Amino acid sequence: MPEPDQRLFFLLQRAAHQLRTATDRRLLATAGITTAQLGALFAIRDEPGITQQALARALGLRESAVTGLVGRLTAADLVARRAHPRQHRAVVLELTGDGAAALDAAQPEVDRFNAEARALLGEDGFTRTAAAMRALASWESPRPADPPLS
């Protein structure tokens, strides 16, 4: 019997792609948003008045990617941009009524996903996987040593 595949990075990439693709379909059908948009909406809801820079950090994305994401969310009237009260070049982000409604519509899919993952992994496996994903999400790989100067 062959050894199970132990290429963790490859397995994580495949799992992420599979989960994102399936969940995007379900979220688009029920709430009209993608998983990326869901994450941003949750972050904005959880920290009203968050800046785009702070949103980028919260999502682990580059600011340029968040600029596009926020542009799509504002065009869909899910998020509103407001002038930052103290930083003249910054804006703060807030959910609109439509953004809150999208989160409400998405919540049953989030709950269903978690229930399906618990059924697949078992309660202990679900808890351990969630802890492992949090650890991996904040892990920074050591940088290779700089080559010696000649």
C-alpha atoms as a PDB file:
ATOM      1  CA  MET A   1       0.000   0.000   0.000  1.00  0.00           C
ATOM      2  CA  PRO A   2       1.508   3.398  -0.966  1.00  0.00           C
ATOM      3  CA  GLU A   3       2.329   5.946   1.724  1.00  0.00           C
ATOM      4  CA  PRO A   4      -0.316   8.650   2.180  1.00  0.00           C
ATOM      5  CA  ASP A   5       0.632  11.913   0.513  1.00  0.00           C
ATOM      6  CA  GLN A   6       2.629  13.957   3.048  1.00  0.00           C
ATOM      7  CA  ARG A   7       3.284  17.062   0.927  1.00  0.00           C
ATOM      8  CA  LEU A   8       1.524  19.362   3.378  1.00  0.00           C
ATOM      9  CA  PHE A   9       1.838  22.560   1.340  1.00  0.00           C
ATOM     10  CA  PHE A  10       0.409  20.826  -1.744  1.00  0.00           C
ATOM     11  CA  LEU A  11      -2.420  19.309   0.300  1.00  0.00           C
ATOM     12  CA  LEU A  12      -3.249  22.655   1.884  1.00  0.00           C
ATOM     13  CA  GLN A  13      -3.353  24.305  -1.552  1.00  0.00           C
ATOM     14  CA  ARG A  14      -5.637  21.592  -2.942  1.00  0.00           C
ATOM     15  CA  ALA A  15      -7.914  21.730   0.101  1.00  0.00           C
ATOM     16  CA  ALA A  16      -8.088  25.535  -0.005  1.00  0.00           C
ATOM     17  CA  HIS A  17      -8.954  25.493  -3.709  1.00  0.00           C
ATOM     18  CA  GLN A  18     -11.626  22.816  -3.268  1.00  0.00           C
ATOM     19  CA  LEU A  19     -13.184  24.550  -0.257  1.00  0.00           C
ATOM     20  CA  ARG A  20     -13.094  28.005  -1.857  1.00  0.00           C
ATOM     21  CA  THR A  21     -14.618  26.777  -5.118  1.00  0.00           C
ATOM     22  CA  ALA A  22     -17.442  24.849  -3.447  1.00  0.00           C
ATOM     23  CA  THR A  23     -18.123  27.545  -0.870  1.00  0.00           C
ATOM     24  CA  ASP A  24     -18.053  30.352  -3.453  1.00  0.00           C
ATOM     25  CA  ARG A  25     -20.793  28.553  -5.405  1.00  0.00           C
ATOM     26  CA  ARG A  26     -22.915  28.132  -2.299  1.00  0.00           C
ATOM     27  CA  LEU A  27     -22.395  31.676  -1.025  1.00  0.00           C
ATOM     28  CA  LEU A  28     -23.042  33.236  -4.423  1.00  0.00           C
ATOM     29  CA  ALA A  29     -26.308  31.293  -4.675  1.00  0.00           C
ATOM     30  CA  THR A  30     -27.529  32.193  -1.184  1.00  0.00           C
ATOM     31  CA  ALA A  31     -25.986  35.590  -0.387  1.00  0.00           C
ATOM     32  CA  GLY A  32     -24.560  36.938  -3.653  1.00  0.00           C
ATOM     33  CA  ILE A  33     -21.005  37.134  -2.243  1.00  0.00           C
ATOM     34  CA  THR A  34     -17.760  35.151  -2.479  1.00  0.00           C
ATOM     35  CA  THR A  35     -15.691  33.703   0.355  1.00  0.00           C
ATOM     36  CA  ALA A  36     -13.189  36.575  -0.020  1.00  0.00           C
ATOM     37  CA  GLN A  37     -16.001  39.093   0.288  1.00  0.00           C
ATOM     38  CA  LEU A  38     -17.440  37.184   3.255  1.00  0.00           C
ATOM     39  CA  GLY A  39     -14.126  37.409   5.102  1.00  0.00           C
ATOM     40  CA  ALA A  40     -13.905  41.141   4.471  1.00  0.00           C
ATOM     41  CA  LEU A  41     -17.504  41.716   5.557  1.00  0.00           C
ATOM     42  CA  PHE A  42     -16.939  39.767   8.777  1.00  0.00           C
ATOM     43  CA  ALA A  43     -13.793  41.795   9.520  1.00  0.00           C
ATOM     44  CA  ILE A  44     -15.578  45.095   8.841  1.00  0.00           C
ATOM     45  CA  ARG A  45     -18.558  44.052  10.957  1.00  0.00           C
ATOM     46  CA  ASP A  46     -16.294  42.936  13.804  1.00  0.00           C
ATOM     47  CA  GLU A  47     -14.276  46.185  13.744  1.00  0.00           C
ATOM     48  CA  PRO A  48     -16.499  49.051  12.600  1.00  0.00           C
ATOM     49  CA  GLY A  49     -14.428  51.908  11.219  1.00  0.00           C
ATOM     50  CA  ILE A  50     -11.527  49.645  10.215  1.00  0.00           C
ATOM     51  CA  THR A  51      -9.118  51.173   7.717  1.00  0.00           C
ATOM     52  CA  GLN A  52      -8.191  49.440   4.457  1.00  0.00           C
ATOM     53  CA  GLN A  53      -4.662  48.989   5.789  1.00  0.00           C
ATOM     54  CA  ALA A  54      -5.959  47.259   8.934  1.00  0.00           C
ATOM     55  CA  LEU A  55      -8.337  45.181   6.804  1.00  0.00           C
ATOM     56  CA  ALA A  56      -5.400  44.027   4.679  1.00  0.00           C
ATOM     57  CA  ARG A  57      -3.567  42.917   7.844  1.00  0.00           C
ATOM     58  CA  ALA A  58      -6.678  41.180   9.198  1.00  0.00           C
ATOM     59  CA  LEU A  59      -7.154  39.248   5.947  1.00  0.00           C
ATOM     60  CA  GLY A  60      -3.453  38.595   5.337  1.00  0.00           C
ATOM     61  CA  LEU A  61      -3.619  40.327   1.950  1.00  0.00           C
ATOM     62  CA  ARG A  62      -1.642  43.040   0.201  1.00  0.00           C
ATOM     63  CA  GLU A  63      -3.158  46.486   0.359  1.00  0.00           C
ATOM     64  CA  SER A  64      -3.490  46.517  -3.446  1.00  0.00           C
ATOM     65  CA  ALA A  65      -5.643  43.373  -3.294  1.00  0.00           C
ATOM     66  CA  VAL A  66      -7.795  44.892  -0.563  1.00  0.00           C
ATOM     67  CA  THR A  67      -8.245  48.062  -2.615  1.00  0.00           C
ATOM     68  CA  GLY A  68      -9.836  45.998  -5.392  1.00  0.00           C
ATOM     69  CA  LEU A  69     -11.886  43.958  -2.940  1.00  0.00           C
ATOM     70  CA  VAL A  70     -13.198  47.073  -1.189  1.00  0.00           C
ATOM     71  CA  GLY A  71     -13.926  48.642  -4.576  1.00  0.00           C
ATOM     72  CA  ARG A  72     -16.116  45.672  -5.488  1.00  0.00           C
ATOM     73  CA  LEU A  73     -17.840  45.757  -2.090  1.00  0.00           C
ATOM     74  CA  THR A  74     -18.579  49.479  -2.355  1.00  0.00           C
ATOM     75  CA  ALA A  75     -19.803  49.116  -5.958  1.00  0.00           C
ATOM     76  CA  ALA A  76     -22.198  46.423  -4.720  1.00  0.00           C
ATOM     77  CA  ASP A  77     -23.294  48.766  -1.886  1.00  0.00           C
ATOM     78  CA  LEU A  78     -22.187  46.259   0.761  1.00  0.00           C
ATOM     79  CA  VAL A  79     -19.590  48.593   2.301  1.00  0.00           C
ATOM     80  CA  ALA A  80     -19.370  52.365   2.634  1.00  0.00           C
ATOM     81  CA  ARG A  81     -16.147  54.394   2.739  1.00  0.00           C
ATOM     82  CA  ARG A  82     -16.001  57.349   5.082  1.00  0.00           C
ATOM     83  CA  ALA A  83     -13.286  59.915   5.754  1.00  0.00           C
ATOM     84  CA  HIS A  84     -11.054  58.903   8.652  1.00  0.00           C
ATOM     85  CA  PRO A  85     -11.678  61.249  11.596  1.00  0.00           C
ATOM     86  CA  ARG A  86      -7.962  61.853  12.280  1.00  0.00           C
ATOM     87  CA  GLN A  87      -5.966  60.787   9.220  1.00  0.00           C
ATOM     88  CA  HIS A  88      -6.725  62.996   6.233  1.00  0.00           C
ATOM     89  CA  ARG A  89      -5.571  60.453   3.611  1.00  0.00           C
ATOM     90  CA  ALA A  90      -7.200  57.399   5.181  1.00  0.00           C
ATOM     91  CA  VAL A  91     -10.748  56.113   4.928  1.00  0.00           C
ATOM     92  CA  VAL A  92     -12.711  53.940   7.291  1.00  0.00           C
ATOM     93  CA  LEU A  93     -15.021  51.146   6.223  1.00  0.00           C
ATOM     94  CA  GLU A  94     -18.504  50.387   7.478  1.00  0.00           C
ATOM     95  CA  LEU A  95     -21.123  47.829   6.534  1.00  0.00           C
ATOM     96  CA  THR A  96     -24.189  49.115   4.772  1.00  0.00           C
ATOM     97  CA  GLY A  97     -27.638  47.653   5.365  1.00  0.00           C
ATOM     98  CA  ASP A  98     -27.095  45.482   2.271  1.00  0.00           C
ATOM     99  CA  GLY A  99     -23.742  44.320   3.679  1.00  0.00           C
ATOM    100  CA  ALA A 100     -25.360  43.292   6.956  1.00  0.00           C
ATOM    101  CA  ALA A 101     -28.128  41.539   5.005  1.00  0.00           C
ATOM    102  CA  ALA A 102     -25.516  39.645   2.940  1.00  0.00           C
ATOM    103  CA  LEU A 103     -23.854  38.443   6.155  1.00  0.00           C
ATOM    104  CA  ASP A 104     -27.238  37.363   7.526  1.00  0.00           C
ATOM    105  CA  ALA A 105     -27.960  35.480   4.282  1.00  0.00           C
ATOM    106  CA  ALA A 106     -24.503  33.840   4.367  1.00  0.00           C
ATOM    107  CA  GLN A 107     -24.676  32.712   8.012  1.00  0.00           C
ATOM    108  CA  PRO A 108     -26.677  29.520   7.331  1.00  0.00           C
ATOM    109  CA  GLU A 109     -24.036  28.475   4.766  1.00  0.00           C
ATOM    110  CA  VAL A 110     -21.252  29.203   7.261  1.00  0.00           C
ATOM    111  CA  ASP A 111     -23.089  27.104   9.861  1.00  0.00           C
ATOM    112  CA  ARG A 112     -23.718  24.324   7.313  1.00  0.00           C
ATOM    113  CA  PHE A 113     -20.051  24.288   6.274  1.00  0.00           C
ATOM    114  CA  ASN A 114     -18.924  24.025   9.906  1.00  0.00           C
ATOM    115  CA  ALA A 115     -21.417  21.214  10.562  1.00  0.00           C
ATOM    116  CA  GLU A 116     -20.220  19.319   7.477  1.00  0.00           C
ATOM    117  CA  ALA A 117     -16.574  19.802   8.481  1.00  0.00           C
ATOM    118  CA  ARG A 118     -17.353  18.567  12.010  1.00  0.00           C
ATOM    119  CA  ALA A 119     -19.075  15.497  10.563  1.00  0.00           C
ATOM    120  CA  LEU A 120     -16.103  14.809   8.277  1.00  0.00           C
ATOM    121  CA  LEU A 121     -13.353  15.422  10.861  1.00  0.00           C
ATOM    122  CA  GLY A 122     -15.114  14.596  14.123  1.00  0.00           C
ATOM    123  CA  GLU A 123     -15.357  17.129  16.946  1.00  0.00           C
ATOM    124  CA  ASP A 124     -11.762  16.597  18.117  1.00  0.00           C
ATOM    125  CA  GLY A 125     -10.426  16.684  14.553  1.00  0.00           C
ATOM    126  CA  PHE A 126     -12.396  19.865  13.828  1.00  0.00           C
ATOM    127  CA  THR A 127     -11.033  21.576  16.947  1.00  0.00           C
ATOM    128  CA  ARG A 128      -7.463  20.430  16.250  1.00  0.00           C
ATOM    129  CA  THR A 129      -7.692  21.442  12.570  1.00  0.00           C
ATOM    130  CA  ALA A 130      -9.007  24.901  13.489  1.00  0.00           C
ATOM    131  CA  ALA A 131      -6.120  25.335  15.960  1.00  0.00           C
ATOM    132  CA  ALA A 132      -3.601  24.145  13.363  1.00  0.00           C
ATOM    133  CA  MET A 133      -5.003  26.541  10.728  1.00  0.00           C
ATOM    134  CA  ARG A 134      -4.775  29.476  13.182  1.00  0.00           C
ATOM    135  CA  ALA A 135      -1.155  28.542  13.909  1.00  0.00           C
ATOM    136  CA  LEU A 136      -0.299  28.217  10.212  1.00  0.00           C
ATOM    137  CA  ALA A 137      -2.065  31.496   9.391  1.00  0.00           C
ATOM    138  CA  SER A 138       0.244  33.383  11.749  1.00  0.00           C
ATOM    139  CA  TRP A 139       3.424  31.397  11.049  1.00  0.00           C
ATOM    140  CA  GLU A 140       6.319  33.122   9.389  1.00  0.00           C
ATOM    141  CA  SER A 141       8.809  30.816   7.763  1.00  0.00           C
ATOM    142  CA  PRO A 142      12.424  31.574   8.591  1.00  0.00           C
ATOM    143  CA  ARG A 143      14.094  33.464   5.773  1.00  0.00           C
ATOM    144  CA  PRO A 144      17.048  31.821   4.114  1.00  0.00           C
ATOM    145  CA  ALA A 145      20.371  33.261   5.177  1.00  0.00           C
ATOM    146  CA  ASP A 146      21.612  36.104   3.037  1.00  0.00           C
ATOM    147  CA  PRO A 147      24.510  35.100   0.802  1.00  0.00           C
ATOM    148  CA  PRO A 148      27.887  36.280   2.068  1.00  0.00           C
ATOM    149  CA  LEU A 149      29.144  39.541   0.670  1.00  0.00           C
ATOM    150  CA  SER A 150      32.143  39.087  -1.611  1.00  0.00           C
END
